[in-house]
Protein backbone atom coordinates (compact mmCIF):
# COMPACT_ATOMS: atom_id res chain seq x y z
CA MET A 1 7.93 78.88 -10.92
CA GLU A 2 6.19 78.31 -14.22
CA THR A 3 7.20 75.29 -16.25
CA LYS A 4 6.94 75.14 -20.00
CA PRO A 5 4.49 72.60 -21.33
CA GLU A 6 6.03 69.53 -22.93
CA VAL A 7 6.42 70.03 -26.69
CA ASN A 8 6.51 67.19 -29.18
CA LEU A 9 9.40 68.22 -31.40
CA ASN A 10 8.24 66.17 -34.39
CA LYS A 11 4.81 67.83 -34.40
CA PHE A 12 6.34 71.25 -33.88
CA VAL A 13 8.75 70.88 -36.80
CA GLY A 14 5.99 69.41 -38.97
CA ARG A 15 3.80 72.45 -38.38
CA HIS A 16 6.64 74.86 -39.13
CA LEU A 17 7.82 73.13 -42.29
CA SER A 18 5.42 75.27 -44.32
CA GLN A 19 7.95 78.10 -44.05
CA LEU A 20 10.62 75.95 -45.66
CA LYS A 21 8.21 74.63 -48.27
CA ILE A 22 7.44 78.19 -49.37
CA LEU A 23 11.14 78.93 -49.56
CA SER A 24 11.71 75.80 -51.60
CA ARG A 25 8.94 76.72 -54.06
CA LEU A 26 10.39 80.21 -54.47
CA LEU A 27 13.80 78.78 -55.33
CA GLU A 28 12.23 76.31 -57.76
CA HIS A 29 10.36 79.18 -59.42
CA GLU A 30 13.56 81.22 -59.79
CA LEU A 31 15.38 78.22 -61.30
CA GLU A 32 12.55 77.62 -63.73
CA ALA A 33 12.47 81.31 -64.72
CA GLY A 34 16.20 81.19 -65.49
CA LYS A 35 16.01 77.89 -67.34
CA GLY A 36 18.75 77.50 -69.90
CA ALA A 37 20.89 80.26 -68.43
CA ARG A 38 24.14 79.48 -66.69
CA GLU A 39 23.59 82.22 -64.10
CA ILE A 40 20.47 83.27 -62.26
CA THR A 41 19.89 86.72 -60.86
CA ILE A 42 17.82 87.01 -57.70
CA GLU A 43 16.86 90.39 -56.34
CA ARG A 44 18.35 91.44 -53.04
CA HIS A 45 15.00 91.71 -51.26
CA LEU A 46 14.18 88.10 -52.16
CA ILE A 47 17.47 86.91 -50.66
CA GLU A 48 16.80 88.97 -47.51
CA ASN A 49 13.32 87.44 -47.23
CA MET A 50 14.74 83.93 -47.68
CA LEU A 51 17.24 84.54 -44.90
CA ASP A 52 14.49 85.93 -42.66
CA THR A 53 12.40 82.81 -43.28
CA LEU A 54 15.29 80.51 -42.38
CA GLU A 55 16.12 82.55 -39.28
CA ILE A 56 12.51 82.45 -38.07
CA PHE A 57 12.41 78.68 -38.53
CA THR A 58 15.73 78.09 -36.76
CA ASP A 59 14.85 80.50 -33.94
CA ASP A 60 11.53 78.71 -33.37
CA CYS A 61 13.26 75.31 -33.33
CA GLU A 62 15.97 76.56 -30.98
CA SER A 63 13.40 78.01 -28.58
CA VAL A 64 11.66 74.63 -28.37
CA THR A 65 14.83 72.58 -27.98
CA GLY A 66 16.34 74.99 -25.46
CA ALA A 67 19.35 75.72 -27.63
CA SER A 68 20.30 79.32 -28.06
CA ARG A 69 22.78 81.24 -30.07
CA ASP A 70 23.62 84.89 -30.25
CA ARG A 71 24.18 85.98 -33.85
CA ASN A 72 25.60 89.32 -32.82
CA LYS A 73 27.99 87.93 -30.26
CA VAL A 74 31.56 88.06 -31.43
CA GLU A 75 33.98 86.13 -29.31
CA PRO A 76 36.95 88.27 -28.37
CA GLN A 77 40.25 87.04 -29.64
CA LYS A 78 42.84 86.12 -27.07
CA PRO A 79 45.90 88.33 -27.14
CA VAL A 80 48.97 86.71 -28.60
CA VAL A 81 52.28 87.17 -26.84
CA ALA A 82 55.19 87.59 -29.20
CA ARG A 83 58.71 87.15 -27.98
CA LEU A 84 61.47 89.15 -29.49
CA ASN A 85 64.86 87.49 -29.24
């Protein structure tokens, strides 16, 4: 059996923070571009890229910590028994 090498979580997160820093700078840029306006419009592809960046970061962190989640998994609802009197 192969064992995974020990990973220092602090170093791992520190190395991967660049993804979040880029995301932060993008949001700052969009806020600055819309300065003075009450609403800001962000194009759909930028939002999709932001979500991808966050998902990559969280997936990497989860793989190191051993946590896992299935985004596509929908828990089935339990049937409800109704009594008619």
